PDB file of N, CA and C in Angstrom:
ATOM      1  N   MET A   1     -63.601-126.693 -47.936  1.00  0.00           N
ATOM      2  CA  MET A   1     -64.677-125.816 -47.525  1.00  0.00           C
ATOM      3  C   MET A   1     -65.519-126.534 -46.477  1.00  0.00           C
ATOM      4  N   ILE A   2     -65.881-125.841 -45.447  1.00  0.00           N
ATOM      5  CA  ILE A   2     -66.678-126.397 -44.359  1.00  0.00           C
ATOM      6  C   ILE A   2     -68.158-126.233 -44.684  1.00  0.00           C
ATOM      7  N   PRO A   3     -68.925-127.351 -44.591  1.00  0.00           N
ATOM      8  CA  PRO A   3     -70.362-127.230 -44.873  1.00  0.00           C
ATOM      9  C   PRO A   3     -71.033-126.379 -43.803  1.00  0.00           C
ATOM     10  N   PRO A   4     -72.091-125.686 -44.166  1.00  0.00           N
ATOM     11  CA  PRO A   4     -72.796-124.855 -43.177  1.00  0.00           C
ATOM     12  C   PRO A   4     -73.416-125.715 -42.081  1.00  0.00           C
ATOM     13  N   PHE A   5     -73.487-125.154 -40.895  1.00  0.00           N
ATOM     14  CA  PHE A   5     -74.076-125.834 -39.746  1.00  0.00           C
ATOM     15  C   PHE A   5     -75.586-125.913 -39.911  1.00  0.00           C
ATOM     16  N   VAL A   6     -76.101-127.123 -39.827  1.00  0.00           N
ATOM     17  CA  VAL A   6     -77.545-127.331 -39.917  1.00  0.00           C
ATOM     18  C   VAL A   6     -78.017-127.852 -38.565  1.00  0.00           C
ATOM     19  N   PRO A   7     -78.767-127.044 -37.816  1.00  0.00           N
ATOM     20  CA  PRO A   7     -79.211-127.510 -36.500  1.00  0.00           C
ATOM     21  C   PRO A   7     -80.233-128.637 -36.617  1.00  0.00           C
ATOM     22  N   VAL A   8     -80.067-129.618 -35.769  1.00  0.00           N
ATOM     23  CA  VAL A   8     -81.011-130.731 -35.718  1.00  0.00           C
ATOM     24  C   VAL A   8     -81.995-130.432 -34.599  1.00  0.00           C
ATOM     25  N   PRO A   9     -83.280-130.423 -34.912  1.00  0.00           N
ATOM     26  CA  PRO A   9     -84.242-130.099 -33.856  1.00  0.00           C
ATOM     27  C   PRO A   9     -84.245-131.160 -32.763  1.00  0.00           C
ATOM     28  N   ALA A  10     -84.318-130.703 -31.530  1.00  0.00           N
ATOM     29  CA  ALA A  10     -84.378-131.623 -30.392  1.00  0.00           C
ATOM     30  C   ALA A  10     -85.727-132.319 -30.400  1.00  0.00           C
ATOM     31  N   PRO A  11     -85.766-133.579 -29.959  1.00  0.00           N
ATOM     32  CA  PRO A  11     -87.060-134.267 -29.925  1.00  0.00           C
ATOM     33  C   PRO A  11     -88.013-133.588 -28.949  1.00  0.00           C
ATOM     34  N   GLN A  12     -89.223-133.436 -29.361  1.00  0.00           N
ATOM     35  CA  GLN A  12     -90.242-132.822 -28.519  1.00  0.00           C
ATOM     36  C   GLN A  12     -90.840-133.866 -27.589  1.00  0.00           C
ATOM     37  N   ALA A  13     -91.476-133.434 -26.535  1.00  0.00           N
ATOM     38  CA  ALA A  13     -92.069-134.354 -25.565  1.00  0.00           C
ATOM     39  C   ALA A  13     -93.112-135.261 -26.216  1.00  0.00           C
ATOM     40  N   HIS A  14     -93.819-134.765 -27.195  1.00  0.00           N
ATOM     41  CA  HIS A  14     -94.853-135.574 -27.844  1.00  0.00           C
ATOM     42  C   HIS A  14     -94.275-136.502 -28.915  1.00  0.00           C
ATOM     43  N   ASP A  15     -92.972-136.395 -29.186  1.00  0.00           N
ATOM     44  CA  ASP A  15     -92.339-137.236 -30.190  1.00  0.00           C
ATOM     45  C   ASP A  15     -91.828-138.562 -29.636  1.00  0.00           C
ATOM     46  N   VAL A  16     -91.794-138.703 -28.313  1.00  0.00           N
ATOM     47  CA  VAL A  16     -91.246-139.917 -27.716  1.00  0.00           C
ATOM     48  C   VAL A  16     -92.290-140.590 -26.832  1.00  0.00           C
ATOM     49  N   VAL A  17     -92.160-141.893 -26.703  1.00  0.00           N
ATOM     50  CA  VAL A  17     -93.039-142.676 -25.827  1.00  0.00           C
ATOM     51  C   VAL A  17     -92.337-142.796 -24.477  1.00  0.00           C
ATOM     52  N   SER A  18     -93.092-142.663 -23.398  1.00  0.00           N
ATOM     53  CA  SER A  18     -92.503-142.800 -22.070  1.00  0.00           C
ATOM     54  C   SER A  18     -93.489-143.500 -21.142  1.00  0.00           C
ATOM     55  N   PHE A  19     -92.965-143.950 -20.016  1.00  0.00           N
ATOM     56  CA  PHE A  19     -93.802-144.539 -18.982  1.00  0.00           C
ATOM     57  C   PHE A  19     -94.351-143.411 -18.118  1.00  0.00           C
ATOM     58  N   ASP A  20     -95.614-143.505 -17.729  1.00  0.00           N
ATOM     59  CA  ASP A  20     -96.154-142.502 -16.811  1.00  0.00           C
ATOM     60  C   ASP A  20     -95.832-142.894 -15.370  1.00  0.00           C
ATOM     61  N   ARG A  21     -96.205-142.056 -14.430  1.00  0.00           N
ATOM     62  CA  ARG A  21     -95.870-142.263 -13.023  1.00  0.00           C
ATOM     63  C   ARG A  21     -96.430-143.577 -12.478  1.00  0.00           C
ATOM     64  N   ARG A  22     -97.652-143.907 -12.830  1.00  0.00           N
ATOM     65  CA  ARG A  22     -98.268-145.148 -12.352  1.00  0.00           C
ATOM     66  C   ARG A  22     -97.521-146.362 -12.883  1.00  0.00           C
ATOM     67  N   GLU A  23     -97.194-146.340 -14.171  1.00  0.00           N
ATOM     68  CA  GLU A  23     -96.471-147.450 -14.777  1.00  0.00           C
ATOM     69  C   GLU A  23     -95.086-147.619 -14.148  1.00  0.00           C
ATOM     70  N   LEU A  24     -94.385-146.511 -13.947  1.00  0.00           N
ATOM     71  CA  LEU A  24     -93.071-146.598 -13.313  1.00  0.00           C
ATOM     72  C   LEU A  24     -93.173-147.096 -11.879  1.00  0.00           C
ATOM     73  N   GLY A  25     -94.235-146.734 -11.182  1.00  0.00           N
ATOM     74  CA  GLY A  25     -94.434-147.230  -9.824  1.00  0.00           C
ATOM     75  C   GLY A  25     -94.567-148.746  -9.792  1.00  0.00           C
ATOM     76  N   VAL A  26     -95.323-149.294 -10.726  1.00  0.00           N
ATOM     77  CA  VAL A  26     -95.501-150.753 -10.800  1.00  0.00           C
ATOM     78  C   VAL A  26     -94.179-151.429 -11.153  1.00  0.00           C
ATOM     79  N   ILE A  27     -93.471-150.884 -12.114  1.00  0.00           N
ATOM     80  CA  ILE A  27     -92.200-151.483 -12.545  1.00  0.00           C
ATOM     81  C   ILE A  27     -91.154-151.388 -11.437  1.00  0.00           C
ATOM     82  N   LEU A  28     -91.028-150.219 -10.809  1.00  0.00           N
ATOM     83  CA  LEU A  28     -90.013-150.041  -9.771  1.00  0.00           C
ATOM     84  C   LEU A  28     -90.330-150.832  -8.510  1.00  0.00           C
ATOM     85  N   SER A  29     -91.586-151.104  -8.251  1.00  0.00           N
ATOM     86  CA  SER A  29     -91.952-151.961  -7.132  1.00  0.00           C
ATOM     87  C   SER A  29     -91.415-153.379  -7.353  1.00  0.00           C
ATOM     88  N   LEU A  30     -91.635-153.914  -8.548  1.00  0.00           N
ATOM     89  CA  LEU A  30     -91.094-155.222  -8.891  1.00  0.00           C
ATOM     90  C   LEU A  30     -89.572-155.191  -8.876  1.00  0.00           C
ATOM     91  N   TYR A  31     -88.981-154.137  -9.412  1.00  0.00           N
ATOM     92  CA  TYR A  31     -87.529-154.011  -9.448  1.00  0.00           C
ATOM     93  C   TYR A  31     -86.952-154.028  -8.027  1.00  0.00           C
ATOM     94  N   GLY A  32     -87.572-153.329  -7.100  1.00  0.00           N
ATOM     95  CA  GLY A  32     -87.108-153.300  -5.716  1.00  0.00           C
ATOM     96  C   GLY A  32     -87.139-154.677  -5.063  1.00  0.00           C
ATOM     97  N   ARG A  33     -88.208-155.420  -5.320  1.00  0.00           N
ATOM     98  CA  ARG A  33     -88.300-156.776  -4.768  1.00  0.00           C
ATOM     99  C   ARG A  33     -87.223-157.694  -5.345  1.00  0.00           C
ATOM    100  N   MET A  34     -86.955-157.558  -6.630  1.00  0.00           N
ATOM    101  CA  MET A  34     -85.945-158.402  -7.262  1.00  0.00           C
ATOM    102  C   MET A  34     -84.527-158.014  -6.821  1.00  0.00           C
ATOM    103  N   VAL A  35     -84.285-156.741  -6.586  1.00  0.00           N
ATOM    104  CA  VAL A  35     -82.986-156.306  -6.062  1.00  0.00           C
ATOM    105  C   VAL A  35     -82.799-156.853  -4.652  1.00  0.00           C
ATOM    106  N   ALA A  36     -83.839-156.783  -3.830  1.00  0.00           N
ATOM    107  CA  ALA A  36     -83.763-157.314  -2.462  1.00  0.00           C
ATOM    108  C   ALA A  36     -83.510-158.820  -2.461  1.00  0.00           C
ATOM    109  N   ALA A  37     -84.003-159.509  -3.469  1.00  0.00           N
ATOM    110  CA  ALA A  37     -83.792-160.951  -3.576  1.00  0.00           C
ATOM    111  C   ALA A  37     -82.426-161.279  -4.188  1.00  0.00           C
ATOM    112  N   GLY A  38     -81.703-160.269  -4.646  1.00  0.00           N
ATOM    113  CA  GLY A  38     -80.376-160.486  -5.216  1.00  0.00           C
ATOM    114  C   GLY A  38     -80.381-160.915  -6.670  1.00  0.00           C
ATOM    115  N   GLU A  39     -81.524-160.809  -7.340  1.00  0.00           N
ATOM    116  CA  GLU A  39     -81.641-161.243  -8.738  1.00  0.00           C
ATOM    117  C   GLU A  39     -81.186-160.166  -9.728  1.00  0.00           C
ATOM    118  N   TRP A  40     -81.569-158.932  -9.472  1.00  0.00           N
ATOM    119  CA  TRP A  40     -81.273-157.827 -10.380  1.00  0.00           C
ATOM    120  C   TRP A  40     -80.375-156.819  -9.669  1.00  0.00           C
ATOM    121  N   ARG A  41     -79.577-156.085 -10.467  1.00  0.00           N
ATOM    122  CA  ARG A  41     -78.672-155.103  -9.864  1.00  0.00           C
ATOM    123  C   ARG A  41     -78.725-153.735 -10.518  1.00  0.00           C
ATOM    124  N   ASP A  42     -79.136-153.644 -11.741  1.00  0.00           N
ATOM    125  CA  ASP A  42     -79.100-152.365 -12.443  1.00  0.00           C
ATOM    126  C   ASP A  42     -80.241-152.294 -13.450  1.00  0.00           C
ATOM    127  N   TYR A  43     -80.560-151.094 -13.889  1.00  0.00           N
ATOM    128  CA  TYR A  43     -81.589-150.921 -14.910  1.00  0.00           C
ATOM    129  C   TYR A  43     -81.238-149.746 -15.803  1.00  0.00           C
ATOM    130  N   ALA A  44     -81.892-149.667 -16.936  1.00  0.00           N
ATOM    131  CA  ALA A  44     -81.724-148.562 -17.875  1.00  0.00           C
ATOM    132  C   ALA A  44     -83.078-148.243 -18.487  1.00  0.00           C
ATOM    133  N   LEU A  45     -83.279-146.973 -18.767  1.00  0.00           N
ATOM    134  CA  LEU A  45     -84.507-146.511 -19.410  1.00  0.00           C
ATOM    135  C   LEU A  45     -84.170-145.953 -20.788  1.00  0.00           C
ATOM    136  N   SER A  46     -84.992-146.277 -21.765  1.00  0.00           N
ATOM    137  CA  SER A  46     -84.851-145.734 -23.116  1.00  0.00           C
ATOM    138  C   SER A  46     -86.221-145.253 -23.569  1.00  0.00           C
ATOM    139  N   PHE A  47     -86.272-144.016 -24.032  1.00  0.00           N
ATOM    140  CA  PHE A  47     -87.518-143.438 -24.534  1.00  0.00           C
ATOM    141  C   PHE A  47     -87.294-143.065 -25.993  1.00  0.00           C
ATOM    142  N   LEU A  48     -87.914-143.816 -26.883  1.00  0.00           N
ATOM    143  CA  LEU A  48     -87.748-143.608 -28.314  1.00  0.00           C
ATOM    144  C   LEU A  48     -89.056-143.126 -28.928  1.00  0.00           C
ATOM    145  N   ARG A  49     -89.043-142.961 -30.221  1.00  0.00           N
ATOM    146  CA  ARG A  49     -90.218-142.427 -30.907  1.00  0.00           C
ATOM    147  C   ARG A  49     -91.431-143.349 -30.800  1.00  0.00           C
ATOM    148  N   ASP A  50     -91.241-144.666 -30.904  1.00  0.00           N
ATOM    149  CA  ASP A  50     -92.393-145.565 -30.906  1.00  0.00           C
ATOM    150  C   ASP A  50     -92.358-146.608 -29.797  1.00  0.00           C
ATOM    151  N   VAL A  51     -91.354-146.565 -28.909  1.00  0.00           N
ATOM    152  CA  VAL A  51     -91.273-147.544 -27.825  1.00  0.00           C
ATOM    153  C   VAL A  51     -90.535-146.943 -26.624  1.00  0.00           C
ATOM    154  N   ALA A  52     -91.014-147.298 -25.438  1.00  0.00           N
ATOM    155  CA  ALA A  52     -90.309-146.993 -24.192  1.00  0.00           C
ATOM    156  C   ALA A  52     -89.840-148.325 -23.626  1.00  0.00           C
ATOM    157  N   VAL A  53     -88.586-148.378 -23.165  1.00  0.00           N
ATOM    158  CA  VAL A  53     -87.997-149.636 -22.715  1.00  0.00           C
ATOM    159  C   VAL A  53     -87.392-149.461 -21.329  1.00  0.00           C
ATOM    160  N   PHE A  54     -87.719-150.391 -20.429  1.00  0.00           N
ATOM    161  CA  PHE A  54     -87.099-150.503 -19.114  1.00  0.00           C
ATOM    162  C   PHE A  54     -86.296-151.800 -19.154  1.00  0.00           C
ATOM    163  N   SER A  55     -84.970-151.687 -19.202  1.00  0.00           N
ATOM    164  CA  SER A  55     -84.101-152.859 -19.291  1.00  0.00           C
ATOM    165  C   SER A  55     -83.550-153.194 -17.920  1.00  0.00           C
ATOM    166  N   VAL A  56     -83.485-154.481 -17.609  1.00  0.00           N
ATOM    167  CA  VAL A  56     -83.025-154.962 -16.309  1.00  0.00           C
ATOM    168  C   VAL A  56     -81.745-155.764 -16.512  1.00  0.00           C
ATOM    169  N   PHE A  57     -80.754-155.511 -15.654  1.00  0.00           N
ATOM    170  CA  PHE A  57     -79.455-156.158 -15.768  1.00  0.00           C
ATOM    171  C   PHE A  57     -79.082-156.868 -14.474  1.00  0.00           C
ATOM    172  N   ARG A  58     -78.361-157.952 -14.605  1.00  0.00           N
ATOM    173  CA  ARG A  58     -77.749-158.585 -13.434  1.00  0.00           C
ATOM    174  C   ARG A  58     -76.483-157.828 -13.081  1.00  0.00           C
ATOM    175  N   ARG A  59     -75.718-157.444 -14.098  1.00  0.00           N
ATOM    176  CA  ARG A  59     -74.547-156.589 -13.944  1.00  0.00           C
ATOM    177  C   ARG A  59     -74.612-155.557 -15.052  1.00  0.00           C
ATOM    178  N   ALA A  60     -74.054-154.386 -14.785  1.00  0.00           N
ATOM    179  CA  ALA A  60     -74.178-153.285 -15.737  1.00  0.00           C
ATOM    180  C   ALA A  60     -73.482-153.566 -17.065  1.00  0.00           C
ATOM    181  N   ALA A  61     -72.451-154.398 -17.079  1.00  0.00           N
ATOM    182  CA  ALA A  61     -71.687-154.646 -18.298  1.00  0.00           C
ATOM    183  C   ALA A  61     -72.295-155.731 -19.179  1.00  0.00           C
ATOM    184  N   GLU A  62     -73.372-156.351 -18.761  1.00  0.00           N
ATOM    185  CA  GLU A  62     -73.970-157.439 -19.514  1.00  0.00           C
ATOM    186  C   GLU A  62     -75.098-156.950 -20.411  1.00  0.00           C
ATOM    187  N   HIS A  63     -75.630-157.878 -21.179  1.00  0.00           N
ATOM    188  CA  HIS A  63     -76.847-157.621 -21.930  1.00  0.00           C
ATOM    189  C   HIS A  63     -78.003-157.673 -20.945  1.00  0.00           C
ATOM    190  N   PRO A  64     -79.114-157.017 -21.270  1.00  0.00           N
ATOM    191  CA  PRO A  64     -80.237-157.041 -20.318  1.00  0.00           C
ATOM    192  C   PRO A  64     -80.817-158.448 -20.138  1.00  0.00           C
ATOM    193  N   LEU A  65     -81.179-158.743 -18.887  1.00  0.00           N
ATOM    194  CA  LEU A  65     -81.879-160.003 -18.604  1.00  0.00           C
ATOM    195  C   LEU A  65     -83.278-159.964 -19.191  1.00  0.00           C
ATOM    196  N   TYR A  66     -83.954-158.856 -18.948  1.00  0.00           N
ATOM    197  CA  TYR A  66     -85.322-158.673 -19.431  1.00  0.00           C
ATOM    198  C   TYR A  66     -85.491-157.239 -19.895  1.00  0.00           C
ATOM    199  N   ARG A  67     -86.411-157.069 -20.845  1.00  0.00           N
ATOM    200  CA  ARG A  67     -86.820-155.737 -21.280  1.00  0.00           C
ATOM    201  C   ARG A  67     -88.330-155.640 -21.119  1.00  0.00           C
ATOM    202  N   ILE A  68     -88.761-154.582 -20.483  1.00  0.00           N
ATOM    203  CA  ILE A  68     -90.188-154.291 -20.360  1.00  0.00           C
ATOM    204  C   ILE A  68     -90.463-153.164 -21.348  1.00  0.00           C
ATOM    205  N   GLU A  69     -91.294-153.441 -22.337  1.00  0.00           N
ATOM    206  CA  GLU A  69     -91.535-152.476 -23.407  1.00  0.00           C
ATOM    207  C   GLU A  69     -92.973-151.983 -23.407  1.00  0.00           C
ATOM    208  N   LYS A  70     -93.107-150.738 -23.804  1.00  0.00           N
ATOM    209  CA  LYS A  70     -94.428-150.125 -24.000  1.00  0.00           C
ATOM    210  C   LYS A  70     -94.468-149.620 -25.438  1.00  0.00           C
ATOM    211  N   ARG A  71     -95.387-150.192 -26.218  1.00  0.00           N
ATOM    212  CA  ARG A  71     -95.574-149.789 -27.611  1.00  0.00           C
ATOM    213  C   ARG A  71     -97.033-149.385 -27.810  1.00  0.00           C
ATOM    214  N   PRO A  72     -97.339-148.102 -27.711  1.00  0.00           N
ATOM    215  CA  PRO A  72     -98.732-147.650 -27.818  1.00  0.00           C
ATOM    216  C   PRO A  72     -99.424-148.013 -29.132  1.00  0.00           C
ATOM    217  N   ARG A  73     -98.685-148.212 -30.198  1.00  0.00           N
ATOM    218  CA  ARG A  73     -99.316-148.574 -31.473  1.00  0.00           C
ATOM    219  C   ARG A  73     -99.998-149.938 -31.409  1.00  0.00           C
ATOM    220  N   LEU A  74     -99.579-150.790 -30.471  1.00  0.00           N
ATOM    221  CA  LEU A  74    -100.165-152.129 -30.348  1.00  0.00           C
ATOM    222  C   LEU A  74    -101.294-152.196 -29.323  1.00  0.00           C
ATOM    223  N   ARG A  75    -101.732-151.060 -28.787  1.00  0.00           N
ATOM    224  CA  ARG A  75    -102.730-151.087 -27.705  1.00  0.00           C
ATOM    225  C   ARG A  75    -104.070-151.665 -28.137  1.00  0.00           C
ATOM    226  N   HIS A  76    -104.422-151.556 -29.408  1.00  0.00           N
ATOM    227  CA  HIS A  76    -105.700-152.103 -29.875  1.00  0.00           C
ATOM    228  C   HIS A  76    -105.560-153.528 -30.409  1.00  0.00           C
ATOM    229  N   ALA A  77    -104.352-153.967 -30.613  1.00  0.00           N
ATOM    230  CA  ALA A  77    -104.138-155.307 -31.173  1.00  0.00           C
ATOM    231  C   ALA A  77    -103.738-156.282 -30.079  1.00  0.00           C
ATOM    232  N   GLN A  78    -102.448-156.462 -29.877  1.00  0.00           N
ATOM    233  CA  GLN A  78    -101.935-157.469 -28.951  1.00  0.00           C
ATOM    234  C   GLN A  78    -101.775-156.955 -27.534  1.00  0.00           C
ATOM    235  N   GLY A  79    -101.802-155.674 -27.358  1.00  0.00           N
ATOM    236  CA  GLY A  79    -101.537-155.057 -26.069  1.00  0.00           C
ATOM    237  C   GLY A  79    -100.224-154.308 -26.143  1.00  0.00           C
ATOM    238  N   MET A  80    -100.150-153.165 -25.474  1.00  0.00           N
ATOM    239  CA  MET A  80     -98.971-152.321 -25.641  1.00  0.00           C
ATOM    240  C   MET A  80     -97.808-152.673 -24.728  1.00  0.00           C
ATOM    241  N   TYR A  81     -98.006-153.562 -23.761  1.00  0.00           N
ATOM    242  CA  TYR A  81     -96.924-153.932 -22.846  1.00  0.00           C
ATOM    243  C   TYR A  81     -96.384-155.310 -23.204  1.00  0.00           C
ATOM    244  N   ALA A  82     -95.060-155.465 -23.067  1.00  0.00           N
ATOM    245  CA  ALA A  82     -94.441-156.759 -23.344  1.00  0.00           C
ATOM    246  C   ALA A  82     -93.225-156.942 -22.451  1.00  0.00           C
ATOM    247  N   VAL A  83     -92.980-158.178 -22.052  1.00  0.00           N
ATOM    248  CA  VAL A  83     -91.753-158.560 -21.359  1.00  0.00           C
ATOM    249  C   VAL A  83     -90.977-159.435 -22.337  1.00  0.00           C
ATOM    250  N   ILE A  84     -89.731-159.047 -22.580  1.00  0.00           N
ATOM    251  CA  ILE A  84     -88.902-159.736 -23.558  1.00  0.00           C
ATOM    252  C   ILE A  84     -87.692-160.308 -22.844  1.00  0.00           C
ATOM    253  N   GLY A  85     -87.400-161.580 -23.106  1.00  0.00           N
ATOM    254  CA  GLY A  85     -86.298-162.286 -22.466  1.00  0.00           C
ATOM    255  C   GLY A  85     -84.950-161.919 -23.058  1.00  0.00           C
ATOM    256  N   PRO A  86     -83.884-162.497 -22.511  1.00  0.00           N
ATOM    257  CA  PRO A  86     -82.528-162.163 -22.968  1.00  0.00           C
ATOM    258  C   PRO A  86     -82.235-162.591 -24.404  1.00  0.00           C
ATOM    259  N   ASP A  87     -82.952-163.563 -24.903  1.00  0.00           N
ATOM    260  CA  ASP A  87     -82.737-164.021 -26.273  1.00  0.00           C
ATOM    261  C   ASP A  87     -83.669-163.344 -27.278  1.00  0.00           C
ATOM    262  N   GLY A  88     -84.450-162.364 -26.819  1.00  0.00           N
ATOM    263  CA  GLY A  88     -85.360-161.640 -27.705  1.00  0.00           C
ATOM    264  C   GLY A  88     -86.743-162.234 -27.804  1.00  0.00           C
ATOM    265  N   GLN A  89     -86.987-163.330 -27.108  1.00  0.00           N
ATOM    266  CA  GLN A  89     -88.296-163.976 -27.143  1.00  0.00           C
ATOM    267  C   GLN A  89     -89.282-163.198 -26.283  1.00  0.00           C
ATOM    268  N   ILE A  90     -90.479-162.994 -26.794  1.00  0.00           N
ATOM    269  CA  ILE A  90     -91.529-162.316 -26.042  1.00  0.00           C
ATOM    270  C   ILE A  90     -92.107-163.306 -25.039  1.00  0.00           C
ATOM    271  N   LEU A  91     -91.912-163.025 -23.750  1.00  0.00           N
ATOM    272  CA  LEU A  91     -92.392-163.913 -22.697  1.00  0.00           C
ATOM    273  C   LEU A  91     -93.865-163.693 -22.401  1.00  0.00           C
ATOM    274  N   ARG A  92     -94.307-162.451 -22.478  1.00  0.00           N
ATOM    275  CA  ARG A  92     -95.716-162.142 -22.223  1.00  0.00           C
ATOM    276  C   ARG A  92     -96.026-160.799 -22.859  1.00  0.00           C
ATOM    277  N   ARG A  93     -97.206-160.680 -23.433  1.00  0.00           N
ATOM    278  CA  ARG A  93     -97.685-159.419 -24.012  1.00  0.00           C
ATOM    279  C   ARG A  93     -99.124-159.242 -23.565  1.00  0.00           C
ATOM    280  N   GLY A  94     -99.518-157.991 -23.293  1.00  0.00           N
ATOM    281  CA  GLY A  94    -100.893-157.768 -22.884  1.00  0.00           C
ATOM    282  C   GLY A  94    -101.253-156.306 -22.764  1.00  0.00           C
ATOM    283  N   HIS A  95    -102.486-156.090 -22.312  1.00  0.00           N
ATOM    284  CA  HIS A  95    -103.030-154.737 -22.191  1.00  0.00           C
ATOM    285  C   HIS A  95    -102.801-154.126 -20.813  1.00  0.00           C
ATOM    286  N   GLU A  96    -102.605-154.955 -19.792  1.00  0.00           N
ATOM    287  CA  GLU A  96    -102.399-154.473 -18.420  1.00  0.00           C
ATOM    288  C   GLU A  96    -100.962-154.746 -17.993  1.00  0.00           C
ATOM    289  N   LEU A  97    -100.277-153.709 -17.517  1.00  0.00           N
ATOM    290  CA  LEU A  97     -98.879-153.845 -17.144  1.00  0.00           C
ATOM    291  C   LEU A  97     -98.684-154.826 -15.988  1.00  0.00           C
ATOM    292  N   ALA A  98     -99.497-154.741 -14.954  1.00  0.00           N
ATOM    293  CA  ALA A  98     -99.345-155.627 -13.796  1.00  0.00           C
ATOM    294  C   ALA A  98     -99.513-157.090 -14.193  1.00  0.00           C
ATOM    295  N   THR A  99    -100.427-157.370 -15.094  1.00  0.00           N
ATOM    296  CA  THR A  99    -100.646-158.738 -15.562  1.00  0.00           C
ATOM    297  C   THR A  99     -99.442-159.241 -16.353  1.00  0.00           C
ATOM    298  N   VAL A 100     -98.880-158.387 -17.177  1.00  0.00           N
ATOM    299  CA  VAL A 100     -97.727-158.765 -17.989  1.00  0.00           C
ATOM    300  C   VAL A 100     -96.510-159.032 -17.108  1.00  0.00           C
ATOM    301  N   LEU A 101     -96.343-158.253 -16.042  1.00  0.00           N
ATOM    302  CA  LEU A 101     -95.172-158.404 -15.173  1.00  0.00           C
ATOM    303  C   LEU A 101     -95.235-159.642 -14.284  1.00  0.00           C
ATOM    304  N   ARG A 102     -96.371-160.281 -14.201  1.00  0.00           N
ATOM    305  CA  ARG A 102     -96.477-161.500 -13.380  1.00  0.00           C
ATOM    306  C   ARG A 102     -95.533-162.594 -13.849  1.00  0.00           C
ATOM    307  N   VAL A 103     -95.189-162.602 -15.115  1.00  0.00           N
ATOM    308  CA  VAL A 103     -94.252-163.600 -15.624  1.00  0.00           C
ATOM    309  C   VAL A 103     -92.888-163.455 -14.945  1.00  0.00           C
ATOM    310  N   LEU A 104     -92.529-162.253 -14.535  1.00  0.00           N
ATOM    311  CA  LEU A 104     -91.266-162.033 -13.841  1.00  0.00           C
ATOM    312  C   LEU A 104     -91.391-162.305 -12.351  1.00  0.00           C
ATOM    313  N   GLU A 105     -92.559-162.071 -11.775  1.00  0.00           N
ATOM    314  CA  GLU A 105     -92.762-162.323 -10.341  1.00  0.00           C
ATOM    315  C   GLU A 105     -92.699-163.807 -10.034  1.00  0.00           C
ATOM    316  N   ARG A 106     -93.095-164.650 -10.960  1.00  0.00           N
ATOM    317  CA  ARG A 106     -93.010-166.097 -10.754  1.00  0.00           C
ATOM    318  C   ARG A 106     -91.569-166.540 -10.582  1.00  0.00           C
ATOM    319  N   LYS A 107     -90.647-165.839 -11.200  1.00  0.00           N
ATOM    320  CA  LYS A 107     -89.238-166.184 -11.095  1.00  0.00           C
ATOM    321  C   LYS A 107     -88.697-165.823  -9.712  1.00  0.00           C
ATOM    322  N   LEU A 108     -89.397-164.951  -8.983  1.00  0.00           N
ATOM    323  CA  LEU A 108     -88.974-164.548  -7.639  1.00  0.00           C
ATOM    324  C   LEU A 108     -89.325-165.612  -6.611  1.00  0.00           C
ATOM    325  N   ILE A 109     -90.403-166.357  -6.832  1.00  0.00           N
ATOM    326  CA  ILE A 109     -90.858-167.386  -5.892  1.00  0.00           C
ATOM    327  C   ILE A 109     -90.129-168.687  -6.193  1.00  0.00           C
ATOM    328  N   ARG A 110     -89.370-169.171  -5.214  1.00  0.00           N
ATOM    329  CA  ARG A 110     -88.632-170.427  -5.379  1.00  0.00           C
ATOM    330  C   ARG A 110     -88.940-171.354  -4.214  1.00  0.00           C
ATOM    331  N   PRO A 111     -89.009-172.637  -4.468  1.00  0.00           N
ATOM    332  CA  PRO A 111     -89.198-173.563  -3.352  1.00  0.00           C
ATOM    333  C   PRO A 111     -87.939-173.606  -2.483  1.00  0.00           C
ATOM    334  N   VAL A 112     -88.157-173.758  -1.183  1.00  0.00           N
ATOM    335  CA  VAL A 112     -87.037-173.773  -0.250  1.00  0.00           C
ATOM    336  C   VAL A 112     -86.611-175.186   0.060  1.00  0.00           C
TER     337      VAL A 112
END
């Protein structure tokens, strides 16, 4: 006997966390500079119930080099933005996205 079909409700816009236009502008600006420098090649976006993630890859088949996360539940505590390294270590956490992303911009500047 076939069980009856039970529809699963689609996630609503208010059920997921996402980056707004300003936040994406800041992230994509850094991403463009890193692509031009030959450091990064691909990215992925994930919008979940309690976290939005911008993952950066050197190659699409690899694990992400860095993850930029937004967790609104932490906005009053540690800050809702975080940069996480390839081994899962939190490199920087804070309340301002541009300040948190500076940890990645330092990797762009190299002595000649």
